[in-house]
Amino acid sequence: MTATQAFTHLYFFKFNCILGYNLTRLILQPSLSMVKLRLSLLLLSIFCLGGFIESASGARHSSRSLDYIKESCNKTRYRALCVRSLSAFANHTAKTPEELAQISLIVSLYRAQHTRSYLLKVEKELKAVKAREWPAVRDCLAQISESVDQLGQSIKELHRLIEQDLDDDYSWHISNIETWEGSALTNAFNCINEFPGRRMSKMKATIKGKVTNVAQVTSNALALFHRYAAAYRARVVKKP
């Protein structure tokens, strides 16, 4: 795909994928390099209606790529969720540690943004009636909002690491990503702790379920990033 074709796809899909388009602005800058376009198109493919990947290619999952995803997910804590969330990309760009690190982070960001949107709605409703659950939901919203920011920073930093020659200070960039991802995970777990026990209202159970999903996909993303970082370090060390 040429840069012109890639940009055409971005322009067309922004009307059908408003959420996806808004998220691409976290990483898509005015200069349309192919790395940025590839990552942006990948992001859009998560949100677009109608299964853009499958409808565009008309192909079944690549068994080799799917096997690679399953093998990689064996190193994560939530293996079944990892395979489910990444297998849709078996025909796309999920064939290397770098690509899996990108995809898993983007999936995490999407889940976090989706959960934040839900919490914004619930928090507003509870505040209006001065419900006793409002403080817990308010605090959870603040924590998930931080997670969204931290995951967005992680994606931008990973983007810099991939696109630019950062061999001299790669450890600093890797550390930044690990710190932001780890903090996003901690914030999600802190939110879960706002709703202890198993006996709770439907609203609380829904919030806890959504946030738990954010924590789990973020945990998987961090594990897959560790794998990519190890490969990156090994490549740098081998350079003369």
Protein backbone atom coordinates (compact mmCIF):
# COMPACT_ATOMS: atom_id res chain seq x y z
CA MET A 1 0.00 0.00 0.00
CA THR A 2 1.36 3.41 -0.99
CA ALA A 3 1.27 6.44 1.28
CA THR A 4 -1.47 7.96 -0.91
CA GLN A 5 -3.61 4.81 -0.71
CA ALA A 6 -3.09 4.59 3.02
CA PHE A 7 -4.13 8.19 3.52
CA THR A 8 -7.24 7.62 1.37
CA HIS A 9 -8.23 4.74 3.62
CA LEU A 10 -7.75 6.92 6.69
CA TYR A 11 -9.83 9.71 5.20
CA PHE A 12 -12.67 7.37 4.26
CA PHE A 13 -12.83 5.45 7.52
CA LYS A 14 -12.77 8.51 9.76
CA PHE A 15 -16.43 9.11 8.88
CA ASN A 16 -17.46 5.59 9.85
CA CYS A 17 -15.13 5.17 12.82
CA ILE A 18 -15.26 8.38 14.82
CA LEU A 19 -13.84 6.82 17.97
CA GLY A 20 -11.05 5.11 16.11
CA TYR A 21 -10.17 8.28 14.24
CA ASN A 22 -10.01 10.30 17.43
CA LEU A 23 -7.63 7.79 18.96
CA THR A 24 -5.34 7.88 15.94
CA ARG A 25 -4.70 11.55 16.72
CA LEU A 26 -2.70 10.36 19.73
CA ILE A 27 -0.09 8.97 17.38
CA LEU A 28 -0.66 10.41 13.90
CA GLN A 29 1.29 13.63 13.38
CA PRO A 30 1.23 15.93 10.31
CA SER A 31 4.09 14.07 8.59
CA LEU A 32 2.52 10.97 7.04
CA SER A 33 5.36 8.47 7.35
CA MET A 34 4.55 4.88 6.49
CA VAL A 35 5.20 3.71 10.05
CA LYS A 36 2.66 6.18 11.40
CA LEU A 37 0.17 5.32 8.70
CA ARG A 38 0.54 1.61 9.35
CA LEU A 39 -0.06 2.04 13.08
CA SER A 40 -2.97 4.38 12.48
CA LEU A 41 -4.63 2.01 10.04
CA LEU A 42 -4.13 -0.77 12.54
CA LEU A 43 -5.88 1.31 15.18
CA LEU A 44 -8.78 2.05 12.88
CA SER A 45 -9.20 -1.62 12.09
CA ILE A 46 -10.10 -2.28 15.72
CA PHE A 47 -13.04 0.11 15.76
CA CYS A 48 -14.46 0.12 12.25
CA LEU A 49 -17.88 -1.37 11.68
CA GLY A 50 -18.37 -4.41 9.52
CA GLY A 51 -15.10 -6.19 10.14
CA PHE A 52 -12.85 -4.10 7.90
CA ILE A 53 -9.99 -6.56 7.95
CA GLU A 54 -12.03 -9.55 6.88
CA SER A 55 -14.16 -7.71 4.33
CA ALA A 56 -11.10 -6.11 2.75
CA SER A 57 -9.11 -9.29 2.39
CA GLY A 58 -11.83 -11.93 2.17
CA ALA A 59 -9.33 -14.37 3.62
CA ARG A 60 -9.38 -16.72 6.57
CA HIS A 61 -6.99 -16.34 9.47
CA SER A 62 -3.45 -17.23 8.56
CA SER A 63 -2.78 -20.40 10.49
CA ARG A 64 0.90 -19.51 10.82
CA SER A 65 0.15 -16.08 12.21
CA LEU A 66 -2.53 -17.45 14.52
CA ASP A 67 -0.10 -20.08 15.81
CA TYR A 68 2.40 -17.31 16.49
CA ILE A 69 -0.21 -15.36 18.44
CA LYS A 70 -1.09 -18.41 20.51
CA GLU A 71 2.57 -19.12 21.20
CA SER A 72 3.18 -15.52 22.23
CA CYS A 73 0.09 -15.45 24.43
CA ASN A 74 1.42 -18.45 26.37
CA LYS A 75 3.79 -15.96 28.02
CA THR A 76 0.92 -13.79 29.27
CA ARG A 77 -1.14 -14.17 32.43
CA TYR A 78 -4.54 -14.21 30.73
CA ARG A 79 -3.80 -16.46 27.78
CA ALA A 80 -7.33 -17.12 26.51
CA LEU A 81 -8.18 -13.42 26.55
CA CYS A 82 -4.89 -12.65 24.83
CA VAL A 83 -5.67 -15.02 21.96
CA ARG A 84 -9.24 -13.73 21.62
CA SER A 85 -8.22 -10.08 21.54
CA LEU A 86 -5.38 -10.55 19.05
CA SER A 87 -6.60 -13.34 16.76
CA ALA A 88 -8.66 -10.90 14.67
CA PHE A 89 -5.31 -9.57 13.43
CA ALA A 90 -3.96 -12.91 12.24
CA ASN A 91 -4.40 -11.73 8.64
CA HIS A 92 -3.08 -8.27 9.37
CA THR A 93 0.17 -7.44 11.13
CA ALA A 94 0.52 -9.78 14.08
CA LYS A 95 3.60 -11.73 13.09
CA THR A 96 6.46 -10.25 15.12
CA PRO A 97 7.04 -9.16 18.74
CA GLU A 98 7.00 -5.54 17.55
CA GLU A 99 3.61 -5.90 15.90
CA LEU A 100 2.07 -7.75 18.82
CA ALA A 101 3.36 -5.08 21.20
CA GLN A 102 1.67 -2.41 19.10
CA ILE A 103 -1.62 -4.25 18.68
CA SER A 104 -1.96 -5.26 22.33
CA LEU A 105 -1.34 -1.69 23.50
CA ILE A 106 -3.92 -0.32 21.10
CA VAL A 107 -6.46 -2.93 22.24
CA SER A 108 -5.76 -1.92 25.84
CA LEU A 109 -6.26 1.75 25.04
CA TYR A 110 -9.55 1.03 23.28
CA ARG A 111 -10.86 -1.02 26.21
CA ALA A 112 -9.82 1.71 28.66
CA GLN A 113 -11.48 4.46 26.60
CA HIS A 114 -14.65 2.42 26.25
CA THR A 115 -14.74 1.86 30.01
CA ARG A 116 -14.07 5.53 30.73
CA SER A 117 -17.00 6.52 28.52
CA TYR A 118 -19.26 4.18 30.45
CA LEU A 119 -18.00 5.49 33.79
CA LEU A 120 -18.54 9.10 32.71
CA LYS A 121 -22.19 8.33 32.04
CA VAL A 122 -22.71 6.43 35.30
CA GLU A 123 -20.83 8.98 37.41
CA LYS A 124 -22.96 11.81 36.04
CA GLU A 125 -26.17 9.94 36.81
CA LEU A 126 -25.10 9.01 40.34
CA LYS A 127 -23.92 12.53 41.12
CA ALA A 128 -27.25 13.97 40.02
CA VAL A 129 -29.16 11.88 42.58
CA LYS A 130 -26.41 12.01 45.23
CA ALA A 131 -26.20 8.23 45.32
CA ARG A 132 -24.01 6.66 47.96
CA GLU A 133 -22.05 4.82 45.25
CA TRP A 134 -21.02 8.08 43.62
CA PRO A 135 -17.67 8.61 45.45
CA ALA A 136 -16.42 5.13 44.52
CA VAL A 137 -17.43 5.56 40.89
CA ARG A 138 -15.92 9.06 40.82
CA ASP A 139 -12.60 7.72 42.11
CA CYS A 140 -12.69 4.82 39.67
CA LEU A 141 -13.33 7.21 36.80
CA ALA A 142 -10.29 9.29 37.80
CA GLN A 143 -8.11 6.19 37.88
CA ILE A 144 -9.28 4.86 34.52
CA SER A 145 -8.84 8.31 33.00
CA GLU A 146 -5.23 8.19 34.14
CA SER A 147 -4.90 4.75 32.58
CA VAL A 148 -6.15 6.13 29.26
CA ASP A 149 -3.54 8.90 29.37
CA GLN A 150 -0.75 6.49 30.34
CA LEU A 151 -1.62 3.98 27.62
CA GLY A 152 -1.73 6.80 25.08
CA GLN A 153 1.73 7.92 26.20
CA SER A 154 2.95 4.33 25.92
CA ILE A 155 1.74 4.07 22.34
CA LYS A 156 3.43 7.33 21.35
CA GLU A 157 6.67 6.30 23.04
CA LEU A 158 6.62 2.87 21.39
CA HIS A 159 5.99 4.63 18.11
CA ARG A 160 9.14 6.71 18.59
CA LEU A 161 11.14 3.64 19.51
CA ILE A 162 10.06 1.81 16.36
CA GLU A 163 10.24 4.70 13.91
CA GLN A 164 13.46 6.40 15.00
CA ASP A 165 17.00 5.18 15.52
CA LEU A 166 17.10 5.30 19.30
CA ASP A 167 19.88 2.83 19.96
CA ASP A 168 21.80 5.29 22.11
CA ASP A 169 19.01 5.84 24.63
CA TYR A 170 16.67 2.94 23.91
CA SER A 171 16.72 1.82 27.55
CA TRP A 172 15.22 5.12 28.62
CA HIS A 173 12.36 4.82 26.13
CA ILE A 174 11.72 1.20 27.08
CA SER A 175 11.66 2.19 30.73
CA ASN A 176 9.14 4.95 29.99
CA ILE A 177 6.80 2.51 28.28
CA GLU A 178 7.10 -0.06 31.05
CA THR A 179 6.45 2.62 33.67
CA TRP A 180 3.36 3.98 31.91
CA GLU A 181 1.92 0.54 31.20
CA GLY A 182 2.60 -0.56 34.76
CA SER A 183 0.94 2.57 36.13
CA ALA A 184 -2.10 2.04 33.89
CA LEU A 185 -2.37 -1.49 35.23
CA THR A 186 -2.06 -0.31 38.84
CA ASN A 187 -4.78 2.29 38.31
CA ALA A 188 -7.13 -0.34 36.90
CA PHE A 189 -6.55 -2.62 39.89
CA ASN A 190 -7.07 0.32 42.25
CA CYS A 191 -10.42 0.90 40.61
CA ILE A 192 -11.36 -2.77 41.01
CA ASN A 193 -10.57 -2.46 44.71
CA GLU A 194 -13.27 0.20 44.98
CA PHE A 195 -15.79 -2.63 44.56
CA PRO A 196 -14.77 -5.45 46.96
CA GLY A 197 -16.64 -8.70 47.42
CA ARG A 198 -18.98 -10.60 45.13
CA ARG A 199 -22.40 -9.51 46.32
CA MET A 200 -23.11 -6.17 44.69
CA SER A 201 -25.58 -4.32 42.51
CA LYS A 202 -25.79 -4.89 38.77
CA MET A 203 -24.25 -1.47 38.17
CA LYS A 204 -21.23 -2.22 40.38
CA ALA A 205 -20.81 -5.67 38.85
CA THR A 206 -20.84 -4.14 35.35
CA ILE A 207 -18.21 -1.57 36.30
CA LYS A 208 -16.04 -4.19 37.98
CA GLY A 209 -16.31 -6.45 34.93
CA LYS A 210 -15.34 -3.72 32.49
CA VAL A 211 -12.41 -2.53 34.59
CA THR A 212 -11.22 -6.09 35.18
CA ASN A 213 -11.12 -6.53 31.43
CA VAL A 214 -9.02 -3.36 31.11
CA ALA A 215 -6.61 -4.67 33.76
CA GLN A 216 -6.30 -8.05 32.10
CA VAL A 217 -5.66 -6.81 28.55
CA THR A 218 -3.19 -4.28 29.94
CA SER A 219 -1.38 -7.01 31.86
CA ASN A 220 -1.14 -9.00 28.63
CA ALA A 221 0.08 -5.95 26.72
CA LEU A 222 2.81 -5.37 29.28
CA ALA A 223 3.95 -9.00 29.00
CA LEU A 224 4.06 -8.79 25.20
CA PHE A 225 5.96 -5.52 25.40
CA HIS A 226 8.53 -7.15 27.70
CA ARG A 227 9.05 -9.74 24.98
CA TYR A 228 9.51 -7.09 22.32
CA ALA A 229 11.87 -5.08 24.56
CA ALA A 230 14.03 -8.17 25.09
CA ALA A 231 14.26 -8.68 21.32
CA TYR A 232 15.06 -4.98 20.82
CA ARG A 233 17.85 -5.09 23.40
CA ALA A 234 19.30 -8.22 21.81
CA ARG A 235 19.34 -6.54 18.40
CA VAL A 236 21.11 -3.45 19.74
CA VAL A 237 23.72 -5.51 21.57
CA LYS A 238 24.54 -7.43 18.39
CA LYS A 239 25.31 -4.23 16.47
CA PRO A 240 29.06 -3.60 15.99
